[in-house]
Amino acid sequence: MGRVGVKISRKLLSQWVVHCGLALKPLYHVRVDHILKGKNIFIDESPVKLQAKDKCKTAYMWVVVGGNESNPAYRVYDFKINPEYSHVLDILKHYRGGLHSDK
């Protein structure tokens, strides 16, 4: 936007991103429901850099893939500060089926 002369503060732009994320939360839950109805779930985490005040920290992006349709399968991405499995177990707590992971 800056290239075309529109000046938007970083704070306002951040607020817009947060509001978009909150608006998409119901879609996230629908996609998780579709994934949990499938017979197989694939899950993995990847380290990503998180910009902190002083330096970059390592955070993790979890991807959960599944559902009954094979092409394309449903995918959700879950950003977490740590690699602990507890939040993934929250997603999978009622799931009964095959789980594929590299851990």
PDB file of N, CA and C in Angstrom:
ATOM      1  N   MET A   1       0.822  -1.188   0.000  1.00  0.00           N
ATOM      2  CA  MET A   1       0.000   0.000   0.000  1.00  0.00           C
ATOM      3  C   MET A   1       0.865   1.250   0.000  1.00  0.00           C
ATOM      4  N   GLY A   2       2.027   1.112   0.628  1.00  0.00           N
ATOM      5  CA  GLY A   2       2.946   2.242   0.656  1.00  0.00           C
ATOM      6  C   GLY A   2       3.417   2.640  -0.731  1.00  0.00           C
ATOM      7  N   ARG A   3       3.506   1.662  -1.633  1.00  0.00           N
ATOM      8  CA  ARG A   3       3.949   1.956  -3.004  1.00  0.00           C
ATOM      9  C   ARG A   3       2.990   2.880  -3.736  1.00  0.00           C
ATOM     10  N   VAL A   4       1.719   2.838  -3.374  1.00  0.00           N
ATOM     11  CA  VAL A   4       0.733   3.686  -4.049  1.00  0.00           C
ATOM     12  C   VAL A   4       0.372   4.905  -3.200  1.00  0.00           C
ATOM     13  N   GLY A   5       1.148   5.156  -2.154  1.00  0.00           N
ATOM     14  CA  GLY A   5       0.960   6.360  -1.360  1.00  0.00           C
ATOM     15  C   GLY A   5      -0.033   6.257  -0.213  1.00  0.00           C
ATOM     16  N   VAL A   6      -0.516   5.059   0.081  1.00  0.00           N
ATOM     17  CA  VAL A   6      -1.450   4.884   1.193  1.00  0.00           C
ATOM     18  C   VAL A   6      -0.631   4.551   2.438  1.00  0.00           C
ATOM     19  N   LYS A   7      -0.745   5.405   3.447  1.00  0.00           N
ATOM     20  CA  LYS A   7       0.017   5.195   4.675  1.00  0.00           C
ATOM     21  C   LYS A   7      -0.903   4.615   5.745  1.00  0.00           C
ATOM     22  N   ILE A   8      -0.515   3.442   6.237  1.00  0.00           N
ATOM     23  CA  ILE A   8      -1.262   2.765   7.294  1.00  0.00           C
ATOM     24  C   ILE A   8      -0.271   2.419   8.395  1.00  0.00           C
ATOM     25  N   SER A   9      -0.639   2.741   9.616  1.00  0.00           N
ATOM     26  CA  SER A   9       0.267   2.452  10.722  1.00  0.00           C
ATOM     27  C   SER A   9       0.405   0.949  10.925  1.00  0.00           C
ATOM     28  N   ARG A  10       1.516   0.566  11.474  1.00  0.00           N
ATOM     29  CA  ARG A  10       1.761  -0.850  11.772  1.00  0.00           C
ATOM     30  C   ARG A  10       0.710  -1.371  12.752  1.00  0.00           C
ATOM     31  N   LYS A  11       0.332  -0.539  13.716  1.00  0.00           N
ATOM     32  CA  LYS A  11      -0.673  -0.931  14.707  1.00  0.00           C
ATOM     33  C   LYS A  11      -2.013  -1.232  14.034  1.00  0.00           C
ATOM     34  N   LEU A  12      -2.454  -0.344  13.143  1.00  0.00           N
ATOM     35  CA  LEU A  12      -3.735  -0.548  12.464  1.00  0.00           C
ATOM     36  C   LEU A  12      -3.691  -1.790  11.569  1.00  0.00           C
ATOM     37  N   LEU A  13      -2.591  -1.970  10.848  1.00  0.00           N
ATOM     38  CA  LEU A  13      -2.450  -3.148   9.999  1.00  0.00           C
ATOM     39  C   LEU A  13      -2.484  -4.427  10.842  1.00  0.00           C
ATOM     40  N   SER A  14      -1.829  -4.406  11.993  1.00  0.00           N
ATOM     41  CA  SER A  14      -1.859  -5.561  12.898  1.00  0.00           C
ATOM     42  C   SER A  14      -3.276  -5.834  13.385  1.00  0.00           C
ATOM     43  N   GLN A  15      -4.016  -4.796  13.697  1.00  0.00           N
ATOM     44  CA  GLN A  15      -5.404  -4.963  14.137  1.00  0.00           C
ATOM     45  C   GLN A  15      -6.252  -5.597  13.031  1.00  0.00           C
ATOM     46  N   TRP A  16      -6.048  -5.193  11.801  1.00  0.00           N
ATOM     47  CA  TRP A  16      -6.782  -5.774  10.684  1.00  0.00           C
ATOM     48  C   TRP A  16      -6.496  -7.275  10.574  1.00  0.00           C
ATOM     49  N   VAL A  17      -5.229  -7.655  10.710  1.00  0.00           N
ATOM     50  CA  VAL A  17      -4.851  -9.063  10.611  1.00  0.00           C
ATOM     51  C   VAL A  17      -5.513  -9.864  11.732  1.00  0.00           C
ATOM     52  N   VAL A  18      -5.510  -9.332  12.942  1.00  0.00           N
ATOM     53  CA  VAL A  18      -6.153 -10.012  14.073  1.00  0.00           C
ATOM     54  C   VAL A  18      -7.644 -10.170  13.815  1.00  0.00           C
ATOM     55  N   HIS A  19      -8.312  -9.126  13.333  1.00  0.00           N
ATOM     56  CA  HIS A  19      -9.749  -9.199  13.046  1.00  0.00           C
ATOM     57  C   HIS A  19     -10.047 -10.228  11.942  1.00  0.00           C
ATOM     58  N   CYS A  20      -9.192 -10.288  10.937  1.00  0.00           N
ATOM     59  CA  CYS A  20      -9.383 -11.304   9.874  1.00  0.00           C
ATOM     60  C   CYS A  20      -9.243 -12.700  10.453  1.00  0.00           C
ATOM     61  N   GLY A  21      -8.254 -12.901  11.305  1.00  0.00           N
ATOM     62  CA  GLY A  21      -8.063 -14.202  11.928  1.00  0.00           C
ATOM     63  C   GLY A  21      -9.256 -14.605  12.777  1.00  0.00           C
ATOM     64  N   LEU A  22      -9.797 -13.679  13.532  1.00  0.00           N
ATOM     65  CA  LEU A  22     -10.972 -13.969  14.360  1.00  0.00           C
ATOM     66  C   LEU A  22     -12.192 -14.278  13.494  1.00  0.00           C
ATOM     67  N   ALA A  23     -12.318 -13.581  12.367  1.00  0.00           N
ATOM     68  CA  ALA A  23     -13.450 -13.826  11.471  1.00  0.00           C
ATOM     69  C   ALA A  23     -13.364 -15.212  10.832  1.00  0.00           C
ATOM     70  N   LEU A  24     -12.147 -15.735  10.663  1.00  0.00           N
ATOM     71  CA  LEU A  24     -11.956 -17.044  10.034  1.00  0.00           C
ATOM     72  C   LEU A  24     -12.008 -18.204  11.034  1.00  0.00           C
ATOM     73  N   LYS A  25     -12.097 -17.916  12.305  1.00  0.00           N
ATOM     74  CA  LYS A  25     -12.086 -18.968  13.326  1.00  0.00           C
ATOM     75  C   LYS A  25     -13.212 -19.995  13.144  1.00  0.00           C
ATOM     76  N   PRO A  26     -14.446 -19.593  12.816  1.00  0.00           N
ATOM     77  CA  PRO A  26     -15.484 -20.604  12.571  1.00  0.00           C
ATOM     78  C   PRO A  26     -15.121 -21.558  11.425  1.00  0.00           C
ATOM     79  N   LEU A  27     -14.492 -21.056  10.379  1.00  0.00           N
ATOM     80  CA  LEU A  27     -14.058 -21.908   9.274  1.00  0.00           C
ATOM     81  C   LEU A  27     -13.014 -22.911   9.745  1.00  0.00           C
ATOM     82  N   TYR A  28     -12.104 -22.482  10.604  1.00  0.00           N
ATOM     83  CA  TYR A  28     -11.102 -23.371  11.183  1.00  0.00           C
ATOM     84  C   TYR A  28     -11.786 -24.544  11.886  1.00  0.00           C
ATOM     85  N   HIS A  29     -12.793 -24.254  12.705  1.00  0.00           N
ATOM     86  CA  HIS A  29     -13.484 -25.300  13.447  1.00  0.00           C
ATOM     87  C   HIS A  29     -14.245 -26.261  12.520  1.00  0.00           C
ATOM     88  N   VAL A  30     -14.825 -25.750  11.455  1.00  0.00           N
ATOM     89  CA  VAL A  30     -15.513 -26.613  10.482  1.00  0.00           C
ATOM     90  C   VAL A  30     -14.503 -27.545   9.821  1.00  0.00           C
ATOM     91  N   ARG A  31     -13.356 -27.010   9.456  1.00  0.00           N
ATOM     92  CA  ARG A  31     -12.335 -27.835   8.809  1.00  0.00           C
ATOM     93  C   ARG A  31     -11.809 -28.907   9.766  1.00  0.00           C
ATOM     94  N   VAL A  32     -11.601 -28.559  11.033  1.00  0.00           N
ATOM     95  CA  VAL A  32     -11.164 -29.550  12.019  1.00  0.00           C
ATOM     96  C   VAL A  32     -12.217 -30.652  12.142  1.00  0.00           C
ATOM     97  N   ASP A  33     -13.492 -30.282  12.165  1.00  0.00           N
ATOM     98  CA  ASP A  33     -14.560 -31.284  12.237  1.00  0.00           C
ATOM     99  C   ASP A  33     -14.505 -32.242  11.048  1.00  0.00           C
ATOM    100  N   HIS A  34     -14.283 -31.713   9.841  1.00  0.00           N
ATOM    101  CA  HIS A  34     -14.167 -32.563   8.649  1.00  0.00           C
ATOM    102  C   HIS A  34     -12.954 -33.497   8.758  1.00  0.00           C
ATOM    103  N   ILE A  35     -11.852 -32.979   9.264  1.00  0.00           N
ATOM    104  CA  ILE A  35     -10.651 -33.795   9.428  1.00  0.00           C
ATOM    105  C   ILE A  35     -10.918 -34.940  10.399  1.00  0.00           C
ATOM    106  N   LEU A  36     -11.569 -34.636  11.512  1.00  0.00           N
ATOM    107  CA  LEU A  36     -11.808 -35.642  12.543  1.00  0.00           C
ATOM    108  C   LEU A  36     -12.803 -36.718  12.103  1.00  0.00           C
ATOM    109  N   LYS A  37     -13.596 -36.455  11.079  1.00  0.00           N
ATOM    110  CA  LYS A  37     -14.536 -37.451  10.570  1.00  0.00           C
ATOM    111  C   LYS A  37     -13.871 -38.456   9.633  1.00  0.00           C
ATOM    112  N   GLY A  38     -12.637 -38.189   9.227  1.00  0.00           N
ATOM    113  CA  GLY A  38     -11.927 -39.076   8.319  1.00  0.00           C
ATOM    114  C   GLY A  38     -11.338 -40.277   9.028  1.00  0.00           C
ATOM    115  N   LYS A  39     -10.839 -41.216   8.226  1.00  0.00           N
ATOM    116  CA  LYS A  39     -10.256 -42.442   8.769  1.00  0.00           C
ATOM    117  C   LYS A  39      -8.779 -42.295   9.091  1.00  0.00           C
ATOM    118  N   ASN A  40      -8.113 -41.315   8.474  1.00  0.00           N
ATOM    119  CA  ASN A  40      -6.680 -41.104   8.679  1.00  0.00           C
ATOM    120  C   ASN A  40      -6.386 -39.619   8.843  1.00  0.00           C
ATOM    121  N   ILE A  41      -5.460 -39.330   9.727  1.00  0.00           N
ATOM    122  CA  ILE A  41      -4.997 -37.962   9.930  1.00  0.00           C
ATOM    123  C   ILE A  41      -3.476 -37.966   9.829  1.00  0.00           C
ATOM    124  N   PHE A  42      -2.959 -36.972   9.149  1.00  0.00           N
ATOM    125  CA  PHE A  42      -1.525 -36.764   9.031  1.00  0.00           C
ATOM    126  C   PHE A  42      -1.196 -35.478   9.782  1.00  0.00           C
ATOM    127  N   ILE A  43      -0.157 -35.521  10.613  1.00  0.00           N
ATOM    128  CA  ILE A  43       0.163 -34.351  11.426  1.00  0.00           C
ATOM    129  C   ILE A  43       1.673 -34.192  11.510  1.00  0.00           C
ATOM    130  N   ASP A  44       2.131 -32.951  11.468  1.00  0.00           N
ATOM    131  CA  ASP A  44       3.563 -32.678  11.560  1.00  0.00           C
ATOM    132  C   ASP A  44       3.757 -31.243  12.022  1.00  0.00           C
ATOM    133  N   GLU A  45       4.897 -30.996  12.630  1.00  0.00           N
ATOM    134  CA  GLU A  45       5.243 -29.633  13.012  1.00  0.00           C
ATOM    135  C   GLU A  45       6.532 -29.229  12.326  1.00  0.00           C
ATOM    136  N   SER A  46       6.631 -27.947  12.015  1.00  0.00           N
ATOM    137  CA  SER A  46       7.838 -27.413  11.394  1.00  0.00           C
ATOM    138  C   SER A  46       8.272 -26.187  12.170  1.00  0.00           C
ATOM    139  N   PRO A  47       9.559 -26.063  12.448  1.00  0.00           N
ATOM    140  CA  PRO A  47      10.023 -24.864  13.134  1.00  0.00           C
ATOM    141  C   PRO A  47       9.945 -23.651  12.205  1.00  0.00           C
ATOM    142  N   VAL A  48       9.553 -22.526  12.764  1.00  0.00           N
ATOM    143  CA  VAL A  48       9.506 -21.261  12.030  1.00  0.00           C
ATOM    144  C   VAL A  48      10.140 -20.184  12.898  1.00  0.00           C
ATOM    145  N   LYS A  49      10.631 -19.166  12.274  1.00  0.00           N
ATOM    146  CA  LYS A  49      11.243 -18.066  13.012  1.00  0.00           C
ATOM    147  C   LYS A  49      10.164 -17.085  13.462  1.00  0.00           C
ATOM    148  N   LEU A  50      10.228 -16.690  14.719  1.00  0.00           N
ATOM    149  CA  LEU A  50       9.299 -15.732  15.295  1.00  0.00           C
ATOM    150  C   LEU A  50      10.095 -14.494  15.667  1.00  0.00           C
ATOM    151  N   GLN A  51       9.748 -13.366  15.084  1.00  0.00           N
ATOM    152  CA  GLN A  51      10.470 -12.129  15.360  1.00  0.00           C
ATOM    153  C   GLN A  51      10.130 -11.644  16.756  1.00  0.00           C
ATOM    154  N   ALA A  52      11.119 -11.580  17.614  1.00  0.00           N
ATOM    155  CA  ALA A  52      10.965 -11.040  18.965  1.00  0.00           C
ATOM    156  C   ALA A  52      11.636  -9.670  19.001  1.00  0.00           C
ATOM    157  N   LYS A  53      11.525  -8.987  20.139  1.00  0.00           N
ATOM    158  CA  LYS A  53      12.092  -7.626  20.212  1.00  0.00           C
ATOM    159  C   LYS A  53      13.595  -7.620  19.975  1.00  0.00           C
ATOM    160  N   ASP A  54      14.315  -8.532  20.619  1.00  0.00           N
ATOM    161  CA  ASP A  54      15.770  -8.518  20.524  1.00  0.00           C
ATOM    162  C   ASP A  54      16.321  -9.407  19.420  1.00  0.00           C
ATOM    163  N   LYS A  55      15.701 -10.577  19.228  1.00  0.00           N
ATOM    164  CA  LYS A  55      16.199 -11.516  18.232  1.00  0.00           C
ATOM    165  C   LYS A  55      15.082 -12.472  17.837  1.00  0.00           C
ATOM    166  N   CYS A  56      15.329 -13.289  16.841  1.00  0.00           N
ATOM    167  CA  CYS A  56      14.338 -14.279  16.406  1.00  0.00           C
ATOM    168  C   CYS A  56      14.329 -15.454  17.373  1.00  0.00           C
ATOM    169  N   LYS A  57      13.133 -15.953  17.641  1.00  0.00           N
ATOM    170  CA  LYS A  57      12.964 -17.150  18.442  1.00  0.00           C
ATOM    171  C   LYS A  57      12.428 -18.245  17.526  1.00  0.00           C
ATOM    172  N   THR A  58      12.506 -19.465  17.978  1.00  0.00           N
ATOM    173  CA  THR A  58      11.931 -20.568  17.218  1.00  0.00           C
ATOM    174  C   THR A  58      10.537 -20.858  17.742  1.00  0.00           C
ATOM    175  N   ALA A  59       9.580 -20.886  16.839  1.00  0.00           N
ATOM    176  CA  ALA A  59       8.206 -21.270  17.154  1.00  0.00           C
ATOM    177  C   ALA A  59       7.864 -22.438  16.223  1.00  0.00           C
ATOM    178  N   TYR A  60       6.610 -22.898  16.258  1.00  0.00           N
ATOM    179  CA  TYR A  60       6.263 -24.090  15.480  1.00  0.00           C
ATOM    180  C   TYR A  60       4.924 -23.930  14.779  1.00  0.00           C
ATOM    181  N   MET A  61       4.892 -24.361  13.530  1.00  0.00           N
ATOM    182  CA  MET A  61       3.661 -24.400  12.760  1.00  0.00           C
ATOM    183  C   MET A  61       3.271 -25.860  12.611  1.00  0.00           C
ATOM    184  N   TRP A  62       2.117 -26.198  13.188  1.00  0.00           N
ATOM    185  CA  TRP A  62       1.597 -27.560  13.099  1.00  0.00           C
ATOM    186  C   TRP A  62       0.623 -27.625  11.941  1.00  0.00           C
ATOM    187  N   VAL A  63       0.723 -28.657  11.130  1.00  0.00           N
ATOM    188  CA  VAL A  63      -0.249 -28.876  10.059  1.00  0.00           C
ATOM    189  C   VAL A  63      -0.954 -30.195  10.346  1.00  0.00           C
ATOM    190  N   VAL A  64      -2.284 -30.147  10.268  1.00  0.00           N
ATOM    191  CA  VAL A  64      -3.120 -31.326  10.472  1.00  0.00           C
ATOM    192  C   VAL A  64      -3.908 -31.521   9.183  1.00  0.00           C
ATOM    193  N   VAL A  65      -3.795 -32.715   8.581  1.00  0.00           N
ATOM    194  CA  VAL A  65      -4.404 -32.990   7.283  1.00  0.00           C
ATOM    195  C   VAL A  65      -5.265 -34.247   7.394  1.00  0.00           C
ATOM    196  N   GLY A  66      -6.437 -34.208   6.789  1.00  0.00           N
ATOM    197  CA  GLY A  66      -7.296 -35.386   6.785  1.00  0.00           C
ATOM    198  C   GLY A  66      -8.651 -35.086   6.188  1.00  0.00           C
ATOM    199  N   GLY A  67      -9.610 -35.953   6.467  1.00  0.00           N
ATOM    200  CA  GLY A  67     -10.954 -35.818   5.935  1.00  0.00           C
ATOM    201  C   GLY A  67     -11.281 -36.989   5.031  1.00  0.00           C
ATOM    202  N   ASN A  68     -12.510 -37.067   4.579  1.00  0.00           N
ATOM    203  CA  ASN A  68     -12.928 -38.178   3.722  1.00  0.00           C
ATOM    204  C   ASN A  68     -12.633 -37.925   2.253  1.00  0.00           C
ATOM    205  N   GLU A  69     -12.540 -36.688   1.842  1.00  0.00           N
ATOM    206  CA  GLU A  69     -12.228 -36.386   0.449  1.00  0.00           C
ATOM    207  C   GLU A  69     -10.722 -36.497   0.252  1.00  0.00           C
ATOM    208  N   SER A  70     -10.302 -37.116  -0.827  1.00  0.00           N
ATOM    209  CA  SER A  70      -8.870 -37.332  -1.011  1.00  0.00           C
ATOM    210  C   SER A  70      -8.176 -36.204  -1.758  1.00  0.00           C
ATOM    211  N   ASN A  71      -8.912 -35.418  -2.520  1.00  0.00           N
ATOM    212  CA  ASN A  71      -8.241 -34.392  -3.295  1.00  0.00           C
ATOM    213  C   ASN A  71      -9.121 -33.169  -3.440  1.00  0.00           C
ATOM    214  N   PRO A  72      -8.872 -32.087  -2.798  1.00  0.00           N
ATOM    215  CA  PRO A  72      -7.821 -31.917  -1.792  1.00  0.00           C
ATOM    216  C   PRO A  72      -8.323 -32.315  -0.416  1.00  0.00           C
ATOM    217  N   ALA A  73      -7.426 -32.811   0.387  1.00  0.00           N
ATOM    218  CA  ALA A  73      -7.768 -33.112   1.778  1.00  0.00           C
ATOM    219  C   ALA A  73      -7.883 -31.791   2.546  1.00  0.00           C
ATOM    220  N   TYR A  74      -8.570 -31.837   3.662  1.00  0.00           N
ATOM    221  CA  TYR A  74      -8.670 -30.642   4.502  1.00  0.00           C
ATOM    222  C   TYR A  74      -7.368 -30.453   5.256  1.00  0.00           C
ATOM    223  N   ARG A  75      -6.972 -29.198   5.393  1.00  0.00           N
ATOM    224  CA  ARG A  75      -5.751 -28.858   6.113  1.00  0.00           C
ATOM    225  C   ARG A  75      -6.048 -27.718   7.070  1.00  0.00           C
ATOM    226  N   VAL A  76      -5.480 -27.798   8.259  1.00  0.00           N
ATOM    227  CA  VAL A  76      -5.491 -26.663   9.174  1.00  0.00           C
ATOM    228  C   VAL A  76      -4.065 -26.451   9.660  1.00  0.00           C
ATOM    229  N   TYR A  77      -3.742 -25.217   9.914  1.00  0.00           N
ATOM    230  CA  TYR A  77      -2.420 -24.847  10.402  1.00  0.00           C
ATOM    231  C   TYR A  77      -2.601 -24.226  11.774  1.00  0.00           C
ATOM    232  N   ASP A  78      -1.754 -24.645  12.694  1.00  0.00           N
ATOM    233  CA  ASP A  78      -1.871 -24.188  14.067  1.00  0.00           C
ATOM    234  C   ASP A  78      -0.502 -23.701  14.529  1.00  0.00           C
ATOM    235  N   PHE A  79      -0.398 -22.414  14.797  1.00  0.00           N
ATOM    236  CA  PHE A  79       0.871 -21.815  15.213  1.00  0.00           C
ATOM    237  C   PHE A  79       0.993 -21.895  16.729  1.00  0.00           C
ATOM    238  N   LYS A  80       2.125 -22.386  17.199  1.00  0.00           N
ATOM    239  CA  LYS A  80       2.371 -22.485  18.634  1.00  0.00           C
ATOM    240  C   LYS A  80       3.804 -22.049  18.938  1.00  0.00           C
ATOM    241  N   ILE A  81       3.980 -21.516  20.135  1.00  0.00           N
ATOM    242  CA  ILE A  81       5.292 -21.045  20.568  1.00  0.00           C
ATOM    243  C   ILE A  81       6.227 -22.215  20.890  1.00  0.00           C
ATOM    244  N   ASN A  82       5.670 -23.334  21.338  1.00  0.00           N
ATOM    245  CA  ASN A  82       6.514 -24.454  21.744  1.00  0.00           C
ATOM    246  C   ASN A  82       6.134 -25.721  20.972  1.00  0.00           C
ATOM    247  N   PRO A  83       7.031 -26.724  20.980  1.00  0.00           N
ATOM    248  CA  PRO A  83       6.759 -27.956  20.233  1.00  0.00           C
ATOM    249  C   PRO A  83       5.997 -29.007  21.036  1.00  0.00           C
ATOM    250  N   GLU A  84       5.429 -28.641  22.169  1.00  0.00           N
ATOM    251  CA  GLU A  84       4.734 -29.615  23.005  1.00  0.00           C
ATOM    252  C   GLU A  84       3.510 -30.173  22.288  1.00  0.00           C
ATOM    253  N   TYR A  85       3.177 -31.404  22.599  1.00  0.00           N
ATOM    254  CA  TYR A  85       2.085 -32.100  21.935  1.00  0.00           C
ATOM    255  C   TYR A  85       0.727 -31.851  22.590  1.00  0.00           C
ATOM    256  N   SER A  86       0.694 -31.182  23.730  1.00  0.00           N
ATOM    257  CA  SER A  86      -0.563 -31.057  24.479  1.00  0.00           C
ATOM    258  C   SER A  86      -1.657 -30.375  23.665  1.00  0.00           C
ATOM    259  N   HIS A  87      -1.333 -29.336  22.891  1.00  0.00           N
ATOM    260  CA  HIS A  87      -2.363 -28.655  22.106  1.00  0.00           C
ATOM    261  C   HIS A  87      -2.853 -29.521  20.946  1.00  0.00           C
ATOM    262  N   VAL A  88      -1.972 -30.379  20.412  1.00  0.00           N
ATOM    263  CA  VAL A  88      -2.389 -31.302  19.358  1.00  0.00           C
ATOM    264  C   VAL A  88      -3.331 -32.349  19.944  1.00  0.00           C
ATOM    265  N   LEU A  89      -3.034 -32.796  21.150  1.00  0.00           N
ATOM    266  CA  LEU A  89      -3.915 -33.758  21.811  1.00  0.00           C
ATOM    267  C   LEU A  89      -5.290 -33.156  22.062  1.00  0.00           C
ATOM    268  N   ASP A  90      -5.356 -31.845  22.279  1.00  0.00           N
ATOM    269  CA  ASP A  90      -6.656 -31.185  22.426  1.00  0.00           C
ATOM    270  C   ASP A  90      -7.482 -31.317  21.146  1.00  0.00           C
ATOM    271  N   ILE A  91      -6.837 -31.165  19.997  1.00  0.00           N
ATOM    272  CA  ILE A  91      -7.538 -31.304  18.716  1.00  0.00           C
ATOM    273  C   ILE A  91      -7.993 -32.748  18.515  1.00  0.00           C
ATOM    274  N   LEU A  92      -7.141 -33.698  18.899  1.00  0.00           N
ATOM    275  CA  LEU A  92      -7.388 -35.120  18.603  1.00  0.00           C
ATOM    276  C   LEU A  92      -8.091 -35.884  19.723  1.00  0.00           C
ATOM    277  N   LYS A  93      -8.498 -35.221  20.781  1.00  0.00           N
ATOM    278  CA  LYS A  93      -8.987 -35.950  21.963  1.00  0.00           C
ATOM    279  C   LYS A  93     -10.178 -36.853  21.690  1.00  0.00           C
ATOM    280  N   HIS A  94     -11.040 -36.547  20.730  1.00  0.00           N
ATOM    281  CA  HIS A  94     -12.202 -37.388  20.433  1.00  0.00           C
ATOM    282  C   HIS A  94     -12.019 -38.202  19.150  1.00  0.00           C
ATOM    283  N   TYR A  95     -10.835 -38.152  18.561  1.00  0.00           N
ATOM    284  CA  TYR A  95     -10.578 -38.836  17.291  1.00  0.00           C
ATOM    285  C   TYR A  95     -10.325 -40.322  17.517  1.00  0.00           C
ATOM    286  N   ARG A  96     -10.905 -41.133  16.658  1.00  0.00           N
ATOM    287  CA  ARG A  96     -10.686 -42.577  16.679  1.00  0.00           C
ATOM    288  C   ARG A  96     -10.390 -43.011  15.250  1.00  0.00           C
ATOM    289  N   GLY A  97      -9.121 -43.178  14.930  1.00  0.00           N
ATOM    290  CA  GLY A  97      -8.726 -43.575  13.601  1.00  0.00           C
ATOM    291  C   GLY A  97      -7.217 -43.629  13.497  1.00  0.00           C
ATOM    292  N   GLY A  98      -6.717 -43.725  12.266  1.00  0.00           N
ATOM    293  CA  GLY A  98      -5.284 -43.814  12.030  1.00  0.00           C
ATOM    294  C   GLY A  98      -4.619 -42.451  12.122  1.00  0.00           C
ATOM    295  N   LEU A  99      -3.445 -42.424  12.735  1.00  0.00           N
ATOM    296  CA  LEU A  99      -2.679 -41.187  12.883  1.00  0.00           C
ATOM    297  C   LEU A  99      -1.295 -41.416  12.311  1.00  0.00           C
ATOM    298  N   HIS A 100      -0.894 -40.554  11.389  1.00  0.00           N
ATOM    299  CA  HIS A 100       0.420 -40.648  10.750  1.00  0.00           C
ATOM    300  C   HIS A 100       1.238 -39.436  11.164  1.00  0.00           C
ATOM    301  N   SER A 101       2.418 -39.695  11.727  1.00  0.00           N
ATOM    302  CA  SER A 101       3.302 -38.628  12.167  1.00  0.00           C
ATOM    303  C   SER A 101       4.736 -39.146  12.120  1.00  0.00           C
ATOM    304  N   ASP A 102       5.695 -38.234  12.111  1.00  0.00           N
ATOM    305  CA  ASP A 102       7.080 -38.664  12.100  1.00  0.00           C
ATOM    306  C   ASP A 102       7.659 -38.760  13.508  1.00  0.00           C
ATOM    307  N   LYS A 103       6.860 -38.586  14.513  1.00  0.00           N
ATOM    308  CA  LYS A 103       7.344 -38.653  15.908  1.00  0.00           C
ATOM    309  C   LYS A 103       7.060 -39.990  16.510  1.00  0.00           C
TER     310      LYS A 103
END
